[in-house]
C-alpha atoms as a PDB file:
ATOM      1  CA  MET A   1      14.252  12.191 -10.390  1.00  0.00           C
ATOM      2  CA  LEU A   2      16.460  10.812  -7.301  1.00  0.00           C
ATOM      3  CA  ASN A   3      15.122   7.440  -7.995  1.00  0.00           C
ATOM      4  CA  TYR A   4      16.491   7.597 -11.606  1.00  0.00           C
ATOM      5  CA  GLY A   5      19.717   8.756 -10.389  1.00  0.00           C
ATOM      6  CA  ARG A   6      20.734   5.940  -7.776  1.00  0.00           C
ATOM      7  CA  CYS A   7      19.649   4.050 -10.588  1.00  0.00           C
ATOM      8  CA  LEU A   8      21.756   5.058 -12.777  1.00  0.00           C
ATOM      9  CA  ALA A   9      25.100   5.454 -10.252  1.00  0.00           C
ATOM     10  CA  LYS A  10      24.297   1.437  -9.717  1.00  0.00           C
ATOM     11  CA  LEU A  11      24.699   1.365 -13.437  1.00  0.00           C
ATOM     12  CA  ALA A  12      27.807   3.321 -13.506  1.00  0.00           C
ATOM     13  CA  LEU A  13      29.473   1.304 -10.811  1.00  0.00           C
ATOM     14  CA  TYR A  14      28.432  -2.321 -12.560  1.00  0.00           C
ATOM     15  CA  PHE A  15      30.257  -0.825 -15.848  1.00  0.00           C
ATOM     16  CA  LYS A  16      32.969   1.716 -14.536  1.00  0.00           C
ATOM     17  CA  GLU A  17      31.641   4.104 -16.790  1.00  0.00           C
ATOM     18  CA  CYS A  18      29.522   6.895 -17.869  1.00  0.00           C
ATOM     19  CA  PRO A  19      25.561   5.391 -18.731  1.00  0.00           C
ATOM     20  CA  THR A  20      25.251   7.038 -21.901  1.00  0.00           C
ATOM     21  CA  LYS A  21      28.881   5.881 -23.270  1.00  0.00           C
ATOM     22  CA  ILE A  22      27.990   1.899 -22.010  1.00  0.00           C
ATOM     23  CA  PRO A  23      27.367  -0.001 -25.409  1.00  0.00           C
ATOM     24  CA  ASP A  24      23.799  -1.063 -26.086  1.00  0.00           C
ATOM     25  CA  GLN A  25      24.503  -4.804 -26.061  1.00  0.00           C
ATOM     26  CA  LYS A  26      26.014  -4.493 -22.586  1.00  0.00           C
ATOM     27  CA  ILE A  27      23.010  -2.167 -21.530  1.00  0.00           C
ATOM     28  CA  ASN A  28      20.754  -4.660 -22.763  1.00  0.00           C
ATOM     29  CA  GLU A  29      22.611  -7.476 -20.820  1.00  0.00           C
ATOM     30  CA  TYR A  30      22.668  -5.387 -17.955  1.00  0.00           C
ATOM     31  CA  LEU A  31      18.759  -5.292 -18.309  1.00  0.00           C
ATOM     32  CA  LEU A  32      18.621  -9.282 -18.762  1.00  0.00           C
ATOM     33  CA  LEU A  33      20.839  -9.353 -15.893  1.00  0.00           C
ATOM     34  CA  LEU A  34      18.811  -7.764 -13.208  1.00  0.00           C
ATOM     35  CA  ARG A  35      15.390  -9.389 -14.384  1.00  0.00           C
ATOM     36  CA  ASP A  36      16.905 -12.970 -14.719  1.00  0.00           C
ATOM     37  CA  ASN A  37      19.211 -13.169 -11.571  1.00  0.00           C
ATOM     38  CA  GLN A  38      17.893 -10.350  -8.940  1.00  0.00           C
ATOM     39  CA  GLN A  39      14.391 -10.120  -9.410  1.00  0.00           C
ATOM     40  CA  PRO A  40      14.230  -6.338  -8.779  1.00  0.00           C
ATOM     41  CA  SER A  41      10.655  -4.362  -7.977  1.00  0.00           C
ATOM     42  CA  PHE A  42       8.771  -2.922 -11.292  1.00  0.00           C
ATOM     43  CA  SER A  43       9.861   0.325  -9.647  1.00  0.00           C
ATOM     44  CA  TYR A  44      12.896   0.056  -9.837  1.00  0.00           C
ATOM     45  CA  PHE A  45      13.290  -1.702 -13.513  1.00  0.00           C
ATOM     46  CA  LYS A  46      10.842   0.829 -14.126  1.00  0.00           C
ATOM     47  CA  HIS A  47      13.825   3.814 -12.519  1.00  0.00           C
ATOM     48  CA  THR A  48      16.706   2.443 -14.603  1.00  0.00           C
ATOM     49  CA  VAL A  49      14.814   2.141 -18.150  1.00  0.00           C
ATOM     50  CA  TYR A  50      13.267   5.754 -17.536  1.00  0.00           C
ATOM     51  CA  GLY A  51      16.542   6.958 -16.127  1.00  0.00           C
ATOM     52  CA  LEU A  52      18.976   5.738 -19.549  1.00  0.00           C
ATOM     53  CA  ARG A  53      16.086   7.236 -21.499  1.00  0.00           C
ATOM     54  CA  LEU A  54      16.401  10.364 -20.087  1.00  0.00           C
ATOM     55  CA  ALA A  55      20.443  10.796 -19.669  1.00  0.00           C
ATOM     56  CA  TYR A  56      20.197   9.908 -23.405  1.00  0.00           C
ATOM     57  CA  ARG A  57      17.861  12.921 -23.959  1.00  0.00           C
ATOM     58  CA  LEU A  58      19.648  15.225 -21.857  1.00  0.00           C
ATOM     59  CA  ILE A  59      22.824  14.439 -24.791  1.00  0.00           C
ATOM     60  CA  GLY A  60      19.929  14.635 -27.864  1.00  0.00           C
ATOM     61  CA  ARG A  61      20.349  11.012 -27.882  1.00  0.00           C
ATOM     62  CA  ASP A  62      16.440  10.681 -28.821  1.00  0.00           C
ATOM     63  CA  ASP A  63      17.152   8.097 -31.091  1.00  0.00           C
ATOM     64  CA  LYS A  64      18.665   5.693 -28.634  1.00  0.00           C
ATOM     65  CA  ALA A  65      15.783   6.364 -25.967  1.00  0.00           C
ATOM     66  CA  ILE A  66      13.082   4.889 -28.393  1.00  0.00           C
ATOM     67  CA  ARG A  67      14.897   1.697 -28.583  1.00  0.00           C
ATOM     68  CA  LEU A  68      15.012   0.683 -24.719  1.00  0.00           C
ATOM     69  CA  PRO A  69      12.698  -1.438 -23.737  1.00  0.00           C
ATOM     70  CA  SER A  70       9.216  -0.667 -22.556  1.00  0.00           C
ATOM     71  CA  ILE A  71       9.104  -2.477 -19.270  1.00  0.00           C
ATOM     72  CA  LYS A  72       5.385  -3.748 -18.447  1.00  0.00           C
ATOM     73  CA  ARG A  73       3.971  -4.438 -14.757  1.00  0.00           C
ATOM     74  CA  ILE A  74       3.979  -8.150 -13.431  1.00  0.00           C
ATOM     75  CA  ARG A  75       0.347  -8.020 -12.121  1.00  0.00           C
ATOM     76  CA  SER A  76       0.212 -10.432  -8.769  1.00  0.00           C
ATOM     77  CA  LEU A  77      -2.734 -10.908  -6.649  1.00  0.00           C
ATOM     78  CA  PRO A  78      -2.651  -8.205  -3.140  1.00  0.00           C
ATOM     79  CA  LEU A  79      -1.657 -10.382   0.168  1.00  0.00           C
ATOM     80  CA  VAL A  80      -3.923 -10.469   2.373  1.00  0.00           C
ATOM     81  CA  LEU A  81      -4.045 -11.609   6.212  1.00  0.00           C
ATOM     82  CA  ASN A  82      -6.718 -13.564   7.907  1.00  0.00           C
ATOM     83  CA  ARG A  83      -8.456 -12.562  11.040  1.00  0.00           C
ATOM     84  CA  LYS A  84      -6.758 -14.461  13.226  1.00  0.00           C
ATOM     85  CA  GLU A  85      -3.357 -13.060  12.064  1.00  0.00           C
ATOM     86  CA  LEU A  86      -4.648  -9.732  12.294  1.00  0.00           C
ATOM     87  CA  LYS A  87      -5.847 -10.131  15.599  1.00  0.00           C
ATOM     88  CA  GLN A  88      -2.465 -11.356  16.719  1.00  0.00           C
ATOM     89  CA  LEU A  89      -0.540  -8.788  14.966  1.00  0.00           C
ATOM     90  CA  ILE A  90      -2.335  -5.839  16.441  1.00  0.00           C
ATOM     91  CA  SER A  91      -1.996  -7.428  19.931  1.00  0.00           C
ATOM     92  CA  THR A  92       1.464  -8.013  19.536  1.00  0.00           C
ATOM     93  CA  PRO A  93       3.427  -4.604  19.818  1.00  0.00           C
ATOM     94  CA  LYS A  94       4.184  -3.667  23.798  1.00  0.00           C
ATOM     95  CA  TRP A  95       3.321  -0.163  23.114  1.00  0.00           C
ATOM     96  CA  LYS A  96      -0.235   1.214  23.217  1.00  0.00           C
ATOM     97  CA  LYS A  97       0.439   3.737  20.543  1.00  0.00           C
ATOM     98  CA  HIS A  98       1.815   0.733  17.981  1.00  0.00           C
ATOM     99  CA  ARG A  99      -0.681  -1.168  18.427  1.00  0.00           C
ATOM    100  CA  ILE A 100      -3.056   1.804  17.907  1.00  0.00           C
ATOM    101  CA  LEU A 101      -1.662   2.638  14.746  1.00  0.00           C
ATOM    102  CA  ILE A 102      -1.919  -1.251  12.930  1.00  0.00           C
ATOM    103  CA  ALA A 103      -5.237  -1.221  13.998  1.00  0.00           C
ATOM    104  CA  LEU A 104      -5.748   2.133  12.726  1.00  0.00           C
ATOM    105  CA  VAL A 105      -4.428   1.230   9.248  1.00  0.00           C
ATOM    106  CA  TYR A 106      -6.485  -1.641   8.873  1.00  0.00           C
ATOM    107  CA  SER A 107      -9.345  -0.428  10.384  1.00  0.00           C
ATOM    108  CA  ALA A 108      -9.310   2.344   7.500  1.00  0.00           C
ATOM    109  CA  GLY A 109      -7.682   1.027   4.838  1.00  0.00           C
ATOM    110  CA  LEU A 110      -4.790   3.692   4.847  1.00  0.00           C
ATOM    111  CA  ARG A 111      -1.716   3.835   2.793  1.00  0.00           C
ATOM    112  CA  ILE A 112       1.465   4.504   4.847  1.00  0.00           C
ATOM    113  CA  GLY A 113       1.526   8.258   3.864  1.00  0.00           C
ATOM    114  CA  GLU A 114      -2.024   8.511   4.904  1.00  0.00           C
ATOM    115  CA  VAL A 115      -1.199   7.073   8.709  1.00  0.00           C
ATOM    116  CA  SER A 116       1.741   9.292   8.788  1.00  0.00           C
ATOM    117  CA  ARG A 117       0.145  12.631   7.988  1.00  0.00           C
ATOM    118  CA  LEU A 118      -3.220  11.807  10.019  1.00  0.00           C
ATOM    119  CA  GLU A 119      -4.076  15.218  12.306  1.00  0.00           C
ATOM    120  CA  GLN A 120      -6.199  14.918  14.950  1.00  0.00           C
ATOM    121  CA  ARG A 121      -8.296  17.370  13.720  1.00  0.00           C
ATOM    122  CA  ASP A 122      -9.022  14.593  10.814  1.00  0.00           C
ATOM    123  CA  ILE A 123     -10.849  12.360  13.333  1.00  0.00           C
ATOM    124  CA  ASP A 124     -14.531  13.315  14.124  1.00  0.00           C
ATOM    125  CA  MET A 125     -15.575  11.264  17.099  1.00  0.00           C
ATOM    126  CA  GLU A 126     -18.789  12.516  16.957  1.00  0.00           C
ATOM    127  CA  ARG A 127     -19.780  11.770  12.855  1.00  0.00           C
ATOM    128  CA  MET A 128     -17.447   8.680  13.598  1.00  0.00           C
ATOM    129  CA  THR A 129     -15.645   9.770  10.157  1.00  0.00           C
ATOM    130  CA  ILE A 130     -11.839  10.045   9.569  1.00  0.00           C
ATOM    131  CA  HIS A 131     -11.125  12.569   6.679  1.00  0.00           C
ATOM    132  CA  ILE A 132      -8.098  11.822   4.446  1.00  0.00           C
ATOM    133  CA  ARG A 133      -6.711  15.050   3.323  1.00  0.00           C
ATOM    134  CA  GLN A 134      -4.987  15.410  -0.064  1.00  0.00           C
ATOM    135  CA  SER A 135      -3.552  11.584  -1.158  1.00  0.00           C
ATOM    136  CA  LYS A 136      -3.084   9.904  -3.498  1.00  0.00           C
ATOM    137  CA  TYR A 137      -4.537  11.713  -6.991  1.00  0.00           C
ATOM    138  CA  LYS A 138      -4.728  14.923  -4.730  1.00  0.00           C
ATOM    139  CA  LYS A 139      -8.110  13.444  -3.955  1.00  0.00           C
ATOM    140  CA  ASP A 140      -9.627  13.589  -0.182  1.00  0.00           C
ATOM    141  CA  ARG A 141     -11.949  10.716   0.947  1.00  0.00           C
ATOM    142  CA  VAL A 142     -13.805  10.394   4.711  1.00  0.00           C
ATOM    143  CA  VAL A 143     -14.234   7.125   5.787  1.00  0.00           C
ATOM    144  CA  PRO A 144     -15.862   5.288   8.665  1.00  0.00           C
ATOM    145  CA  LEU A 145     -14.454   5.224  12.288  1.00  0.00           C
ATOM    146  CA  SER A 146     -14.741   2.047  13.782  1.00  0.00           C
ATOM    147  CA  GLU A 147     -16.497   2.176  17.220  1.00  0.00           C
ATOM    148  CA  TYR A 148     -13.629   0.130  18.838  1.00  0.00           C
ATOM    149  CA  MET A 149     -11.171   2.430  17.491  1.00  0.00           C
ATOM    150  CA  LYS A 150     -12.949   5.269  18.289  1.00  0.00           C
ATOM    151  CA  LYS A 151     -12.431   3.597  22.298  1.00  0.00           C
ATOM    152  CA  GLY A 152      -9.107   3.326  21.503  1.00  0.00           C
ATOM    153  CA  LEU A 153      -7.849   6.474  19.986  1.00  0.00           C
ATOM    154  CA  GLN A 154      -9.625   7.936  23.264  1.00  0.00           C
ATOM    155  CA  ASP A 155      -6.990   6.009  25.454  1.00  0.00           C
ATOM    156  CA  TYR A 156      -4.192   6.795  23.680  1.00  0.00           C
ATOM    157  CA  TYR A 157      -4.547  10.653  23.097  1.00  0.00           C
ATOM    158  CA  GLN A 158      -5.421  10.165  27.453  1.00  0.00           C
ATOM    159  CA  GLN A 159      -2.189   8.339  27.504  1.00  0.00           C
ATOM    160  CA  VAL A 160       0.232   9.582  25.380  1.00  0.00           C
ATOM    161  CA  CYS A 161      -0.798  13.767  24.579  1.00  0.00           C
ATOM    162  CA  PRO A 162       0.165  13.834  21.095  1.00  0.00           C
ATOM    163  CA  ILE A 163       0.725  17.258  19.558  1.00  0.00           C
ATOM    164  CA  LYS A 164      -0.879  17.988  16.366  1.00  0.00           C
ATOM    165  CA  TYR A 165      -0.407  14.406  14.916  1.00  0.00           C
ATOM    166  CA  VAL A 166      -2.312  11.268  15.589  1.00  0.00           C
ATOM    167  CA  PHE A 167       1.224   9.597  15.482  1.00  0.00           C
ATOM    168  CA  ASN A 168       4.167  11.747  16.559  1.00  0.00           C
ATOM    169  CA  GLY A 169       7.734  11.300  15.633  1.00  0.00           C
ATOM    170  CA  LYS A 170      10.892  12.547  17.832  1.00  0.00           C
ATOM    171  CA  ALA A 171      10.375  16.117  16.986  1.00  0.00           C
ATOM    172  CA  THR A 172       8.057  17.905  18.790  1.00  0.00           C
ATOM    173  CA  GLY A 173       5.369  18.301  16.548  1.00  0.00           C
ATOM    174  CA  SER A 174       6.156  16.477  13.793  1.00  0.00           C
ATOM    175  CA  PRO A 175       4.548  13.350  12.410  1.00  0.00           C
ATOM    176  CA  LEU A 176       6.074  10.004  12.500  1.00  0.00           C
ATOM    177  CA  SER A 177       8.027   9.142   9.793  1.00  0.00           C
ATOM    178  CA  ILE A 178       7.127   6.435   7.054  1.00  0.00           C
ATOM    179  CA  ARG A 179      10.506   5.078   7.195  1.00  0.00           C
ATOM    180  CA  ALA A 180       9.790   4.478  11.157  1.00  0.00           C
ATOM    181  CA  ILE A 181       6.346   3.075  10.493  1.00  0.00           C
ATOM    182  CA  GLN A 182       7.479   0.779   8.215  1.00  0.00           C
ATOM    183  CA  TYR A 183      10.334  -0.281  10.980  1.00  0.00           C
ATOM    184  CA  LEU A 184       7.711  -0.712  13.492  1.00  0.00           C
ATOM    185  CA  PHE A 185       5.957  -2.946  11.674  1.00  0.00           C
ATOM    186  CA  ARG A 186       8.702  -5.299  10.465  1.00  0.00           C
ATOM    187  CA  GLN A 187       9.498  -5.726  14.167  1.00  0.00           C
ATOM    188  CA  THR A 188       6.075  -6.365  14.689  1.00  0.00           C
ATOM    189  CA  LEU A 189       5.659  -9.040  12.200  1.00  0.00           C
ATOM    190  CA  ARG A 190       9.070 -10.832  13.470  1.00  0.00           C
ATOM    191  CA  LYS A 191       7.869 -11.700  16.971  1.00  0.00           C
ATOM    192  CA  THR A 192       4.544 -13.083  15.346  1.00  0.00           C
ATOM    193  CA  SER A 193       3.925 -16.422  14.333  1.00  0.00           C
ATOM    194  CA  ILE A 194       2.925 -15.010  11.153  1.00  0.00           C
ATOM    195  CA  GLN A 195       4.861 -16.583   7.738  1.00  0.00           C
ATOM    196  CA  LYS A 196       3.233 -14.219   5.141  1.00  0.00           C
ATOM    197  CA  PRO A 197       5.549 -11.952   3.571  1.00  0.00           C
ATOM    198  CA  ALA A 198       3.296  -8.520   4.925  1.00  0.00           C
ATOM    199  CA  ASN A 199       4.364  -4.731   4.886  1.00  0.00           C
ATOM    200  CA  VAL A 200       2.415  -1.843   5.648  1.00  0.00           C
ATOM    201  CA  HIS A 201       0.133  -2.182   2.602  1.00  0.00           C
ATOM    202  CA  THR A 202      -1.068  -5.681   3.487  1.00  0.00           C
ATOM    203  CA  LEU A 203      -3.058  -4.212   5.974  1.00  0.00           C
ATOM    204  CA  ARG A 204      -4.856  -2.047   3.752  1.00  0.00           C
ATOM    205  CA  HIS A 205      -5.089  -5.014   1.017  1.00  0.00           C
ATOM    206  CA  SER A 206      -6.821  -6.818   4.368  1.00  0.00           C
ATOM    207  CA  TYR A 207      -8.969  -4.191   4.350  1.00  0.00           C
ATOM    208  CA  ALA A 208     -10.582  -4.274   1.460  1.00  0.00           C
ATOM    209  CA  THR A 209     -10.866  -7.918   0.934  1.00  0.00           C
ATOM    210  CA  HIS A 210     -12.743  -8.562   3.973  1.00  0.00           C
ATOM    211  CA  LEU A 211     -14.701  -5.411   3.319  1.00  0.00           C
ATOM    212  CA  LEU A 212     -16.049  -7.219   0.030  1.00  0.00           C
ATOM    213  CA  GLU A 213     -16.357 -10.189   1.833  1.00  0.00           C
ATOM    214  CA  GLU A 214     -18.755  -8.914   4.352  1.00  0.00           C
ATOM    215  CA  GLY A 215     -21.272  -7.439   1.504  1.00  0.00           C
ATOM    216  CA  VAL A 216     -20.468  -4.058   1.111  1.00  0.00           C
ATOM    217  CA  ASP A 217     -20.263  -3.227  -2.889  1.00  0.00           C
ATOM    218  CA  ILE A 218     -17.540  -2.424  -5.006  1.00  0.00           C
ATOM    219  CA  LEU A 219     -17.752   0.823  -5.620  1.00  0.00           C
ATOM    220  CA  THR A 220     -18.178   1.676  -2.091  1.00  0.00           C
ATOM    221  CA  VAL A 221     -14.792  -0.035  -1.647  1.00  0.00           C
ATOM    222  CA  ARG A 222     -13.654   2.013  -4.306  1.00  0.00           C
ATOM    223  CA  ASP A 223     -14.261   5.041  -3.150  1.00  0.00           C
ATOM    224  CA  MET A 224     -13.364   3.816   0.325  1.00  0.00           C
ATOM    225  CA  LEU A 225      -9.923   3.489  -0.459  1.00  0.00           C
ATOM    226  CA  GLY A 226      -9.697   6.247  -2.739  1.00  0.00           C
ATOM    227  CA  HIS A 227      -9.089   4.035  -5.945  1.00  0.00           C
ATOM    228  CA  GLU A 228      -9.046   6.482  -9.316  1.00  0.00           C
ATOM    229  CA  ASP A 229     -10.492   3.110 -11.288  1.00  0.00           C
ATOM    230  CA  VAL A 230     -12.804   0.741 -10.217  1.00  0.00           C
ATOM    231  CA  ASN A 231     -10.541  -2.100 -11.949  1.00  0.00           C
ATOM    232  CA  THR A 232      -7.874  -1.399  -9.592  1.00  0.00           C
ATOM    233  CA  THR A 233     -10.711  -1.905  -6.574  1.00  0.00           C
ATOM    234  CA  LEU A 234     -11.977  -5.477  -8.572  1.00  0.00           C
ATOM    235  CA  THR A 235      -8.406  -7.280  -7.974  1.00  0.00           C
ATOM    236  CA  TYR A 236      -9.388  -7.680  -4.213  1.00  0.00           C
ATOM    237  CA  LEU A 237     -12.495  -9.652  -5.829  1.00  0.00           C
ATOM    238  CA  HIS A 238     -10.259 -12.393  -7.303  1.00  0.00           C
ATOM    239  CA  VAL A 239      -8.575 -13.240  -3.545  1.00  0.00           C
ATOM    240  CA  ALA A 240     -11.981 -12.543  -1.567  1.00  0.00           C
ATOM    241  CA  GLN A 241     -13.611 -15.820  -0.519  1.00  0.00           C
ATOM    242  CA  PHE A 242     -17.517 -15.938  -0.368  1.00  0.00           C
ATOM    243  CA  GLU A 243     -20.142 -18.242   0.162  1.00  0.00           C
ATOM    244  CA  ARG A 244     -20.815 -20.053  -2.381  1.00  0.00           C
ATOM    245  CA  ASN A 245     -24.919 -20.623  -2.855  1.00  0.00           C
ATOM    246  CA  ARG A 246     -26.096 -24.058  -4.199  1.00  0.00           C
ATOM    247  CA  ALA A 247     -27.177 -24.180  -8.023  1.00  0.00           C
ATOM    248  CA  HIS A 248     -30.731 -23.315  -8.039  1.00  0.00           C
ATOM    249  CA  SER A 249     -33.099 -22.056 -10.578  1.00  0.00           C
ATOM    250  CA  PRO A 250     -34.308 -18.313 -10.229  1.00  0.00           C
ATOM    251  CA  LEU A 251     -37.583 -19.288 -10.555  1.00  0.00           C
ATOM    252  CA  ASP A 252     -37.907 -20.597  -7.195  1.00  0.00           C
ATOM    253  CA  SER A 253     -36.947 -17.331  -5.404  1.00  0.00           C
ATOM    254  CA  LEU A 254     -39.054 -15.555  -7.799  1.00  0.00           C
ATOM    255  CA  TYR A 255     -42.194 -17.456  -6.048  1.00  0.00           C
ATOM    256  CA  ASP A 256     -42.549 -18.972  -2.599  1.00  0.00           C
ATOM    257  CA  TRP A 257     -43.562 -22.380  -4.093  1.00  0.00           C
ATOM    258  CA  ARG A 258     -43.681 -24.168   0.091  1.00  0.00           C
ATOM    259  CA  SER A 259     -46.482 -21.322   0.586  1.00  0.00           C
END
């Protein structure tokens, strides 16, 4: 609802008029302008259209709500960092906390909200697991804890002594905010030679792609990512780089003809 309000406020400022009183033609021109000139994200487009629909319904104009265009998501392939780029990114921050955070997001394929809310109790160093609680789709999942990550976390805990959350914010016992994590990532990226327009979620894309390249099956990757639909996971097959076997007849592998 807050996003709807922001988009409608921008629309009202643009025309200097209440959004529900703006003629249909001007509304359509505004949407075309957004699409062709400003190239907004799918979410911004969606919130503008859906915000208008809601506003029209509130004043009893469902007929206008129905005529608003449907916005189709333009699907693009996920951006992936290669292994050399990841090593550079992880080693760049000055502070251990920041290095551990970036490494942990990649090592477990975490969403930004998941790493923000992650508590120390969720990391079991005996069973080598990370328990991600009530994330997207209100589902829990468990992913493996990397051996390298375990050692890094132990050193980090000893040095920083965080309270409750793995990564604390400014207030004692509070989690590091999503905004702070985004800022940290942007600042780190600027200090590297990486030219790709990466963000925190790029680490998750890289995690999924590298798992597939290392031979993990698609259903296991789906579960590790916490995807509701395997079709979402299948997207990574388009960017994963697999070694191509020489064309041959399967009969040759059925019988060992050399023996």
